């Protein structure tokens, strides 16, 4: 999602889900490692896979990784509905 017109702290949100705590951890580790390898950029990590939500802050891009129930609870897509969705994969 392009949120650059709605917020000043980042330009893009990436929002995805994992079906288990292990999957959330694996997704966050894989994204963090790939960005570090490809772009030499580190991230700030918040949340916890055991809580159903992990946030990876790369500055211009913030990656939200949710369990299905936490994603339903926070409803970021609805909260930021004015933002342009760049790609949506189901």
PDB file of N, CA and C in Angstrom:
ATOM      1  N   UNK A   1       0.848  -1.175   0.000  1.00  0.00           N
ATOM      2  CA  UNK A   1       0.000   0.000   0.000  1.00  0.00           C
ATOM      3  C   UNK A   1       0.889   1.232   0.000  1.00  0.00           C
ATOM      4  N   UNK A   2       0.566   2.175  -0.853  1.00  0.00           N
ATOM      5  CA  UNK A   2       1.273   3.443  -0.889  1.00  0.00           C
ATOM      6  C   UNK A   2       0.596   4.386   0.100  1.00  0.00           C
ATOM      7  N   UNK A   3       1.209   4.582   1.254  1.00  0.00           N
ATOM      8  CA  UNK A   3       0.645   5.434   2.303  1.00  0.00           C
ATOM      9  C   UNK A   3       1.370   6.769   2.405  1.00  0.00           C
ATOM     10  N   UNK A   4       2.185   7.082   1.404  1.00  0.00           N
ATOM     11  CA  UNK A   4       3.015   8.290   1.452  1.00  0.00           C
ATOM     12  C   UNK A   4       2.197   9.574   1.554  1.00  0.00           C
ATOM     13  N   UNK A   5       0.953   9.571   1.092  1.00  0.00           N
ATOM     14  CA  UNK A   5       0.105  10.763   1.182  1.00  0.00           C
ATOM     15  C   UNK A   5      -0.667  10.828   2.501  1.00  0.00           C
ATOM     16  N   UNK A   6      -0.678   9.719   3.253  1.00  0.00           N
ATOM     17  CA  UNK A   6      -1.444   9.673   4.499  1.00  0.00           C
ATOM     18  C   UNK A   6      -0.578   9.825   5.744  1.00  0.00           C
ATOM     19  N   UNK A   7       0.671   9.410   5.682  1.00  0.00           N
ATOM     20  CA  UNK A   7       1.534   9.435   6.867  1.00  0.00           C
ATOM     21  C   UNK A   7       2.898  10.028   6.524  1.00  0.00           C
ATOM     22  N   UNK A   8       3.608  10.484   7.539  1.00  0.00           N
ATOM     23  CA  UNK A   8       4.927  11.069   7.315  1.00  0.00           C
ATOM     24  C   UNK A   8       6.075  10.135   7.704  1.00  0.00           C
ATOM     25  N   UNK A   9       5.772   9.001   8.338  1.00  0.00           N
ATOM     26  CA  UNK A   9       6.825   8.135   8.861  1.00  0.00           C
ATOM     27  C   UNK A   9       7.257   7.028   7.914  1.00  0.00           C
ATOM     28  N   UNK A  10       6.534   6.801   6.823  1.00  0.00           N
ATOM     29  CA  UNK A  10       6.908   5.764   5.860  1.00  0.00           C
ATOM     30  C   UNK A  10       6.190   6.030   4.547  1.00  0.00           C
ATOM     31  N   UNK A  11       6.601   5.329   3.499  1.00  0.00           N
ATOM     32  CA  UNK A  11       5.944   5.473   2.203  1.00  0.00           C
ATOM     33  C   UNK A  11       5.038   4.293   1.868  1.00  0.00           C
ATOM     34  N   UNK A  12       5.421   3.098   2.321  1.00  0.00           N
ATOM     35  CA  UNK A  12       4.693   1.891   1.930  1.00  0.00           C
ATOM     36  C   UNK A  12       4.464   0.964   3.104  1.00  0.00           C
ATOM     37  N   UNK A  13       3.297   0.323   3.095  1.00  0.00           N
ATOM     38  CA  UNK A  13       2.991  -0.786   3.986  1.00  0.00           C
ATOM     39  C   UNK A  13       2.926  -2.050   3.140  1.00  0.00           C
ATOM     40  N   UNK A  14       3.539  -3.097   3.635  1.00  0.00           N
ATOM     41  CA  UNK A  14       3.338  -4.441   3.106  1.00  0.00           C
ATOM     42  C   UNK A  14       2.615  -5.187   4.210  1.00  0.00           C
ATOM     43  N   UNK A  15       1.471  -5.785   3.887  1.00  0.00           N
ATOM     44  CA  UNK A  15       0.658  -6.471   4.889  1.00  0.00           C
ATOM     45  C   UNK A  15       0.478  -7.909   4.441  1.00  0.00           C
ATOM     46  N   UNK A  16       0.835  -8.846   5.331  1.00  0.00           N
ATOM     47  CA  UNK A  16       0.673 -10.258   4.991  1.00  0.00           C
ATOM     48  C   UNK A  16       0.305 -11.049   6.238  1.00  0.00           C
ATOM     49  N   UNK A  17      -0.073 -12.304   6.008  1.00  0.00           N
ATOM     50  CA  UNK A  17      -0.511 -13.173   7.101  1.00  0.00           C
ATOM     51  C   UNK A  17       0.264 -14.474   7.091  1.00  0.00           C
ATOM     52  N   UNK A  18       0.379 -15.056   8.267  1.00  0.00           N
ATOM     53  CA  UNK A  18       0.927 -16.390   8.439  1.00  0.00           C
ATOM     54  C   UNK A  18      -0.006 -17.175   9.335  1.00  0.00           C
ATOM     55  N   UNK A  19      -0.075 -18.473   9.129  1.00  0.00           N
ATOM     56  CA  UNK A  19      -1.078 -19.280   9.830  1.00  0.00           C
ATOM     57  C   UNK A  19      -0.625 -19.829  11.173  1.00  0.00           C
ATOM     58  N   UNK A  20       0.641 -19.620  11.527  1.00  0.00           N
ATOM     59  CA  UNK A  20       1.123 -20.111  12.818  1.00  0.00           C
ATOM     60  C   UNK A  20       2.234 -19.197  13.320  1.00  0.00           C
ATOM     61  N   UNK A  21       2.542 -19.332  14.588  1.00  0.00           N
ATOM     62  CA  UNK A  21       3.629 -18.553  15.175  1.00  0.00           C
ATOM     63  C   UNK A  21       4.946 -18.841  14.459  1.00  0.00           C
ATOM     64  N   UNK A  22       5.181 -20.105  14.148  1.00  0.00           N
ATOM     65  CA  UNK A  22       6.397 -20.488  13.427  1.00  0.00           C
ATOM     66  C   UNK A  22       6.465 -19.840  12.050  1.00  0.00           C
ATOM     67  N   UNK A  23       5.316 -19.771  11.358  1.00  0.00           N
ATOM     68  CA  UNK A  23       5.289 -19.151  10.036  1.00  0.00           C
ATOM     69  C   UNK A  23       5.548 -17.646  10.134  1.00  0.00           C
ATOM     70  N   UNK A  24       4.981 -16.989  11.138  1.00  0.00           N
ATOM     71  CA  UNK A  24       5.237 -15.562  11.331  1.00  0.00           C
ATOM     72  C   UNK A  24       6.726 -15.320  11.552  1.00  0.00           C
ATOM     73  N   UNK A  25       7.339 -16.149  12.380  1.00  0.00           N
ATOM     74  CA  UNK A  25       8.762 -16.018  12.643  1.00  0.00           C
ATOM     75  C   UNK A  25       9.567 -16.256  11.368  1.00  0.00           C
ATOM     76  N   UNK A  26       9.227 -17.280  10.619  1.00  0.00           N
ATOM     77  CA  UNK A  26       9.944 -17.594   9.381  1.00  0.00           C
ATOM     78  C   UNK A  26       9.805 -16.481   8.353  1.00  0.00           C
ATOM     79  N   UNK A  27       8.593 -15.953   8.215  1.00  0.00           N
ATOM     80  CA  UNK A  27       8.378 -14.852   7.277  1.00  0.00           C
ATOM     81  C   UNK A  27       9.190 -13.624   7.665  1.00  0.00           C
ATOM     82  N   UNK A  28       9.167 -13.264   8.938  1.00  0.00           N
ATOM     83  CA  UNK A  28       9.907 -12.079   9.372  1.00  0.00           C
ATOM     84  C   UNK A  28      11.408 -12.270   9.197  1.00  0.00           C
ATOM     85  N   UNK A  29      11.914 -13.445   9.502  1.00  0.00           N
ATOM     86  CA  UNK A  29      13.342 -13.713   9.315  1.00  0.00           C
ATOM     87  C   UNK A  29      13.730 -13.695   7.840  1.00  0.00           C
ATOM     88  N   UNK A  30      12.897 -14.280   6.989  1.00  0.00           N
ATOM     89  CA  UNK A  30      13.201 -14.334   5.556  1.00  0.00           C
ATOM     90  C   UNK A  30      13.193 -12.938   4.930  1.00  0.00           C
ATOM     91  N   UNK A  31      12.200 -12.130   5.269  1.00  0.00           N
ATOM     92  CA  UNK A  31      12.136 -10.770   4.720  1.00  0.00           C
ATOM     93  C   UNK A  31      13.319  -9.954   5.203  1.00  0.00           C
ATOM     94  N   UNK A  32      13.593  -9.998   6.489  1.00  0.00           N
ATOM     95  CA  UNK A  32      14.700  -9.240   7.057  1.00  0.00           C
ATOM     96  C   UNK A  32      16.032  -9.645   6.430  1.00  0.00           C
ATOM     97  N   UNK A  33      16.259 -10.945   6.306  1.00  0.00           N
ATOM     98  CA  UNK A  33      17.510 -11.449   5.733  1.00  0.00           C
ATOM     99  C   UNK A  33      17.656 -11.055   4.267  1.00  0.00           C
ATOM    100  N   UNK A  34      16.590 -11.184   3.495  1.00  0.00           N
ATOM    101  CA  UNK A  34      16.647 -10.867   2.064  1.00  0.00           C
ATOM    102  C   UNK A  34      16.921  -9.380   1.833  1.00  0.00           C
ATOM    103  N   UNK A  35      16.268  -8.515   2.591  1.00  0.00           N
ATOM    104  CA  UNK A  35      16.498  -7.069   2.460  1.00  0.00           C
ATOM    105  C   UNK A  35      17.916  -6.722   2.880  1.00  0.00           C
ATOM    106  N   UNK A  36      18.403  -7.361   3.928  1.00  0.00           N
ATOM    107  CA  UNK A  36      19.775  -7.120   4.380  1.00  0.00           C
ATOM    108  C   UNK A  36      20.779  -7.553   3.312  1.00  0.00           C
ATOM    109  N   UNK A  37      20.565  -8.732   2.694  1.00  0.00           N
ATOM    110  CA  UNK A  37      21.467  -9.238   1.661  1.00  0.00           C
ATOM    111  C   UNK A  37      21.419  -8.403   0.387  1.00  0.00           C
ATOM    112  N   UNK A  38      20.220  -8.104  -0.087  1.00  0.00           N
ATOM    113  CA  UNK A  38      20.039  -7.408  -1.366  1.00  0.00           C
ATOM    114  C   UNK A  38      20.331  -5.915  -1.293  1.00  0.00           C
ATOM    115  N   UNK A  39      19.911  -5.275  -0.195  1.00  0.00           N
ATOM    116  CA  UNK A  39      19.973  -3.814  -0.116  1.00  0.00           C
ATOM    117  C   UNK A  39      20.846  -3.299   1.029  1.00  0.00           C
ATOM    118  N   UNK A  40      21.447  -4.196   1.797  1.00  0.00           N
ATOM    119  CA  UNK A  40      22.322  -3.827   2.916  1.00  0.00           C
ATOM    120  C   UNK A  40      21.623  -2.889   3.894  1.00  0.00           C
ATOM    121  N   UNK A  41      20.338  -3.160   4.110  1.00  0.00           N
ATOM    122  CA  UNK A  41      19.542  -2.345   5.012  1.00  0.00           C
ATOM    123  C   UNK A  41      19.023  -3.210   6.152  1.00  0.00           C
ATOM    124  N   UNK A  42      19.167  -2.698   7.348  1.00  0.00           N
ATOM    125  CA  UNK A  42      18.678  -3.395   8.530  1.00  0.00           C
ATOM    126  C   UNK A  42      17.327  -2.813   8.926  1.00  0.00           C
ATOM    127  N   UNK A  43      16.618  -3.547   9.767  1.00  0.00           N
ATOM    128  CA  UNK A  43      15.296  -3.086  10.176  1.00  0.00           C
ATOM    129  C   UNK A  43      15.164  -3.104  11.688  1.00  0.00           C
ATOM    130  N   UNK A  44      14.188  -2.342  12.128  1.00  0.00           N
ATOM    131  CA  UNK A  44      13.758  -2.374  13.518  1.00  0.00           C
ATOM    132  C   UNK A  44      12.596  -3.358  13.581  1.00  0.00           C
ATOM    133  N   UNK A  45      12.621  -4.261  14.554  1.00  0.00           N
ATOM    134  CA  UNK A  45      11.581  -5.270  14.680  1.00  0.00           C
ATOM    135  C   UNK A  45      10.769  -4.996  15.945  1.00  0.00           C
ATOM    136  N   UNK A  46       9.451  -5.007  15.786  1.00  0.00           N
ATOM    137  CA  UNK A  46       8.550  -4.824  16.917  1.00  0.00           C
ATOM    138  C   UNK A  46       7.522  -5.940  16.909  1.00  0.00           C
ATOM    139  N   UNK A  47       6.878  -6.137  18.035  1.00  0.00           N
ATOM    140  CA  UNK A  47       5.887  -7.200  18.148  1.00  0.00           C
ATOM    141  C   UNK A  47       6.560  -8.538  18.370  1.00  0.00           C
ATOM    142  N   UNK A  48       5.769  -9.590  18.349  1.00  0.00           N
ATOM    143  CA  UNK A  48       6.294 -10.933  18.562  1.00  0.00           C
ATOM    144  C   UNK A  48       5.415 -11.935  17.847  1.00  0.00           C
ATOM    145  N   UNK A  49       6.049 -12.929  17.254  1.00  0.00           N
ATOM    146  CA  UNK A  49       5.271 -13.950  16.549  1.00  0.00           C
ATOM    147  C   UNK A  49       4.279 -14.632  17.485  1.00  0.00           C
ATOM    148  N   UNK A  50       4.656 -14.796  18.745  1.00  0.00           N
ATOM    149  CA  UNK A  50       3.751 -15.431  19.713  1.00  0.00           C
ATOM    150  C   UNK A  50       2.515 -14.578  19.997  1.00  0.00           C
ATOM    151  N   UNK A  51       2.597 -13.275  19.739  1.00  0.00           N
ATOM    152  CA  UNK A  51       1.459 -12.369  19.935  1.00  0.00           C
ATOM    153  C   UNK A  51       0.622 -12.236  18.665  1.00  0.00           C
ATOM    154  N   UNK A  52       1.077 -12.837  17.573  1.00  0.00           N
ATOM    155  CA  UNK A  52       0.302 -12.802  16.336  1.00  0.00           C
ATOM    156  C   UNK A  52       0.552 -11.589  15.464  1.00  0.00           C
ATOM    157  N   UNK A  53       1.628 -10.850  15.750  1.00  0.00           N
ATOM    158  CA  UNK A  53       1.905  -9.653  14.967  1.00  0.00           C
ATOM    159  C   UNK A  53       3.393  -9.318  15.048  1.00  0.00           C
ATOM    160  N   UNK A  54       4.008  -9.141  13.894  1.00  0.00           N
ATOM    161  CA  UNK A  54       5.408  -8.722  13.824  1.00  0.00           C
ATOM    162  C   UNK A  54       5.479  -7.560  12.844  1.00  0.00           C
ATOM    163  N   UNK A  55       6.206  -6.529  13.211  1.00  0.00           N
ATOM    164  CA  UNK A  55       6.389  -5.369  12.356  1.00  0.00           C
ATOM    165  C   UNK A  55       7.875  -5.222  12.060  1.00  0.00           C
ATOM    166  N   UNK A  56       8.205  -5.094  10.779  1.00  0.00           N
ATOM    167  CA  UNK A  56       9.577  -4.857  10.345  1.00  0.00           C
ATOM    168  C   UNK A  56       9.625  -3.450   9.756  1.00  0.00           C
ATOM    169  N   UNK A  57      10.388  -2.570  10.371  1.00  0.00           N
ATOM    170  CA  UNK A  57      10.453  -1.177   9.933  1.00  0.00           C
ATOM    171  C   UNK A  57      11.771  -0.944   9.201  1.00  0.00           C
ATOM    172  N   UNK A  58      11.671  -0.749   7.878  1.00  0.00           N
ATOM    173  CA  UNK A  58      12.837  -0.472   7.048  1.00  0.00           C
ATOM    174  C   UNK A  58      12.941   1.008   6.703  1.00  0.00           C
ATOM    175  N   UNK A  59      12.174   1.847   7.380  1.00  0.00           N
ATOM    176  CA  UNK A  59      12.176   3.274   7.087  1.00  0.00           C
ATOM    177  C   UNK A  59      11.103   3.607   6.061  1.00  0.00           C
ATOM    178  N   UNK A  60      11.436   3.534   4.782  1.00  0.00           N
ATOM    179  CA  UNK A  60      10.472   3.847   3.718  1.00  0.00           C
ATOM    180  C   UNK A  60       9.423   2.759   3.533  1.00  0.00           C
ATOM    181  N   UNK A  61       9.698   1.567   4.044  1.00  0.00           N
ATOM    182  CA  UNK A  61       8.773   0.442   3.934  1.00  0.00           C
ATOM    183  C   UNK A  61       8.581  -0.176   5.316  1.00  0.00           C
ATOM    184  N   UNK A  62       7.319  -0.398   5.680  1.00  0.00           N
ATOM    185  CA  UNK A  62       6.987  -1.077   6.931  1.00  0.00           C
ATOM    186  C   UNK A  62       6.226  -2.352   6.564  1.00  0.00           C
ATOM    187  N   UNK A  63       6.729  -3.480   7.038  1.00  0.00           N
ATOM    188  CA  UNK A  63       6.125  -4.778   6.754  1.00  0.00           C
ATOM    189  C   UNK A  63       5.373  -5.245   8.004  1.00  0.00           C
ATOM    190  N   UNK A  64       4.081  -5.506   7.834  1.00  0.00           N
ATOM    191  CA  UNK A  64       3.239  -6.024   8.913  1.00  0.00           C
ATOM    192  C   UNK A  64       2.963  -7.491   8.617  1.00  0.00           C
ATOM    193  N   UNK A  65       3.294  -8.360   9.555  1.00  0.00           N
ATOM    194  CA  UNK A  65       3.027  -9.788   9.402  1.00  0.00           C
ATOM    195  C   UNK A  65       2.096 -10.194  10.548  1.00  0.00           C
ATOM    196  N   UNK A  66       0.901 -10.644  10.179  1.00  0.00           N
ATOM    197  CA  UNK A  66      -0.147 -10.928  11.154  1.00  0.00           C
ATOM    198  C   UNK A  66      -0.572 -12.387  11.132  1.00  0.00           C
ATOM    199  N   UNK A  67      -1.071 -12.854  12.267  1.00  0.00           N
ATOM    200  CA  UNK A  67      -1.881 -14.074  12.281  1.00  0.00           C
ATOM    201  C   UNK A  67      -3.245 -13.658  11.722  1.00  0.00           C
ATOM    202  N   UNK A  68      -4.034 -14.585  11.207  1.00  0.00           N
ATOM    203  CA  UNK A  68      -5.340 -14.207  10.645  1.00  0.00           C
ATOM    204  C   UNK A  68      -6.239 -13.453  11.627  1.00  0.00           C
ATOM    205  N   UNK A  69      -6.280 -13.871  12.891  1.00  0.00           N
ATOM    206  CA  UNK A  69      -7.155 -13.182  13.846  1.00  0.00           C
ATOM    207  C   UNK A  69      -6.657 -11.781  14.181  1.00  0.00           C
ATOM    208  N   UNK A  70      -5.346 -11.590  14.264  1.00  0.00           N
ATOM    209  CA  UNK A  70      -4.796 -10.250  14.524  1.00  0.00           C
ATOM    210  C   UNK A  70      -5.002  -9.341  13.304  1.00  0.00           C
ATOM    211  N   UNK A  71      -4.908  -9.896  12.118  1.00  0.00           N
ATOM    212  CA  UNK A  71      -5.149  -9.099  10.907  1.00  0.00           C
ATOM    213  C   UNK A  71      -6.608  -8.653  10.854  1.00  0.00           C
ATOM    214  N   UNK A  72      -7.519  -9.551  11.203  1.00  0.00           N
ATOM    215  CA  UNK A  72      -8.939  -9.183  11.278  1.00  0.00           C
ATOM    216  C   UNK A  72      -9.176  -8.127  12.351  1.00  0.00           C
ATOM    217  N   UNK A  73      -8.485  -8.241  13.469  1.00  0.00           N
ATOM    218  CA  UNK A  73      -8.663  -7.314  14.581  1.00  0.00           C
ATOM    219  C   UNK A  73      -8.188  -5.901  14.214  1.00  0.00           C
ATOM    220  N   UNK A  74      -6.977  -5.792  13.648  1.00  0.00           N
ATOM    221  CA  UNK A  74      -6.398  -4.475  13.348  1.00  0.00           C
ATOM    222  C   UNK A  74      -6.937  -3.859  12.056  1.00  0.00           C
ATOM    223  N   UNK A  75      -7.324  -4.651  11.087  1.00  0.00           N
ATOM    224  CA  UNK A  75      -7.927  -4.191   9.842  1.00  0.00           C
ATOM    225  C   UNK A  75      -7.201  -2.987   9.236  1.00  0.00           C
ATOM    226  N   UNK A  76      -5.892  -3.123   9.052  1.00  0.00           N
ATOM    227  CA  UNK A  76      -5.103  -2.020   8.508  1.00  0.00           C
ATOM    228  C   UNK A  76      -5.547  -1.602   7.111  1.00  0.00           C
ATOM    229  N   UNK A  77      -5.985  -2.564   6.309  1.00  0.00           N
ATOM    230  CA  UNK A  77      -6.451  -2.212   4.967  1.00  0.00           C
ATOM    231  C   UNK A  77      -7.645  -1.258   5.032  1.00  0.00           C
ATOM    232  N   UNK A  78      -8.532  -1.447   6.008  1.00  0.00           N
ATOM    233  CA  UNK A  78      -9.672  -0.551   6.176  1.00  0.00           C
ATOM    234  C   UNK A  78      -9.250   0.774   6.804  1.00  0.00           C
ATOM    235  N   UNK A  79      -8.331   0.709   7.757  1.00  0.00           N
ATOM    236  CA  UNK A  79      -7.849   1.917   8.419  1.00  0.00           C
ATOM    237  C   UNK A  79      -7.172   2.865   7.425  1.00  0.00           C
ATOM    238  N   UNK A  80      -6.438   2.305   6.480  1.00  0.00           N
ATOM    239  CA  UNK A  80      -5.703   3.096   5.487  1.00  0.00           C
ATOM    240  C   UNK A  80      -6.344   2.956   4.108  1.00  0.00           C
ATOM    241  N   UNK A  81      -7.661   2.886   4.028  1.00  0.00           N
ATOM    242  CA  UNK A  81      -8.360   2.653   2.764  1.00  0.00           C
ATOM    243  C   UNK A  81      -8.146   3.763   1.737  1.00  0.00           C
ATOM    244  N   UNK A  82      -7.724   4.952   2.173  1.00  0.00           N
ATOM    245  CA  UNK A  82      -7.433   6.033   1.230  1.00  0.00           C
ATOM    246  C   UNK A  82      -6.131   5.777   0.468  1.00  0.00           C
ATOM    247  N   UNK A  83      -5.299   4.904   1.002  1.00  0.00           N
ATOM    248  CA  UNK A  83      -4.014   4.600   0.365  1.00  0.00           C
ATOM    249  C   UNK A  83      -4.232   3.742  -0.876  1.00  0.00           C
ATOM    250  N   UNK A  84      -3.349   3.917  -1.823  1.00  0.00           N
ATOM    251  CA  UNK A  84      -3.436   3.137  -3.065  1.00  0.00           C
ATOM    252  C   UNK A  84      -2.847   1.746  -2.826  1.00  0.00           C
ATOM    253  N   UNK A  85      -3.629   0.720  -3.155  1.00  0.00           N
ATOM    254  CA  UNK A  85      -3.135  -0.644  -3.082  1.00  0.00           C
ATOM    255  C   UNK A  85      -2.370  -0.926  -4.373  1.00  0.00           C
ATOM    256  N   UNK A  86      -1.101  -1.268  -4.250  1.00  0.00           N
ATOM    257  CA  UNK A  86      -0.267  -1.480  -5.422  1.00  0.00           C
ATOM    258  C   UNK A  86      -0.398  -2.899  -5.973  1.00  0.00           C
ATOM    259  N   UNK A  87      -0.529  -3.875  -5.082  1.00  0.00           N
ATOM    260  CA  UNK A  87      -0.732  -5.264  -5.500  1.00  0.00           C
ATOM    261  C   UNK A  87      -1.438  -5.989  -4.363  1.00  0.00           C
ATOM    262  N   UNK A  88      -2.313  -6.903  -4.746  1.00  0.00           N
ATOM    263  CA  UNK A  88      -3.035  -7.705  -3.750  1.00  0.00           C
ATOM    264  C   UNK A  88      -3.022  -9.145  -4.224  1.00  0.00           C
ATOM    265  N   UNK A  89      -2.502 -10.030  -3.397  1.00  0.00           N
ATOM    266  CA  UNK A  89      -2.417 -11.450  -3.719  1.00  0.00           C
ATOM    267  C   UNK A  89      -3.187 -12.213  -2.652  1.00  0.00           C
ATOM    268  N   UNK A  90      -4.034 -13.121  -3.080  1.00  0.00           N
ATOM    269  CA  UNK A  90      -4.822 -13.928  -2.120  1.00  0.00           C
ATOM    270  C   UNK A  90      -4.291 -15.317  -2.070  1.00  0.00           C
TER     271      UNK A  90
END
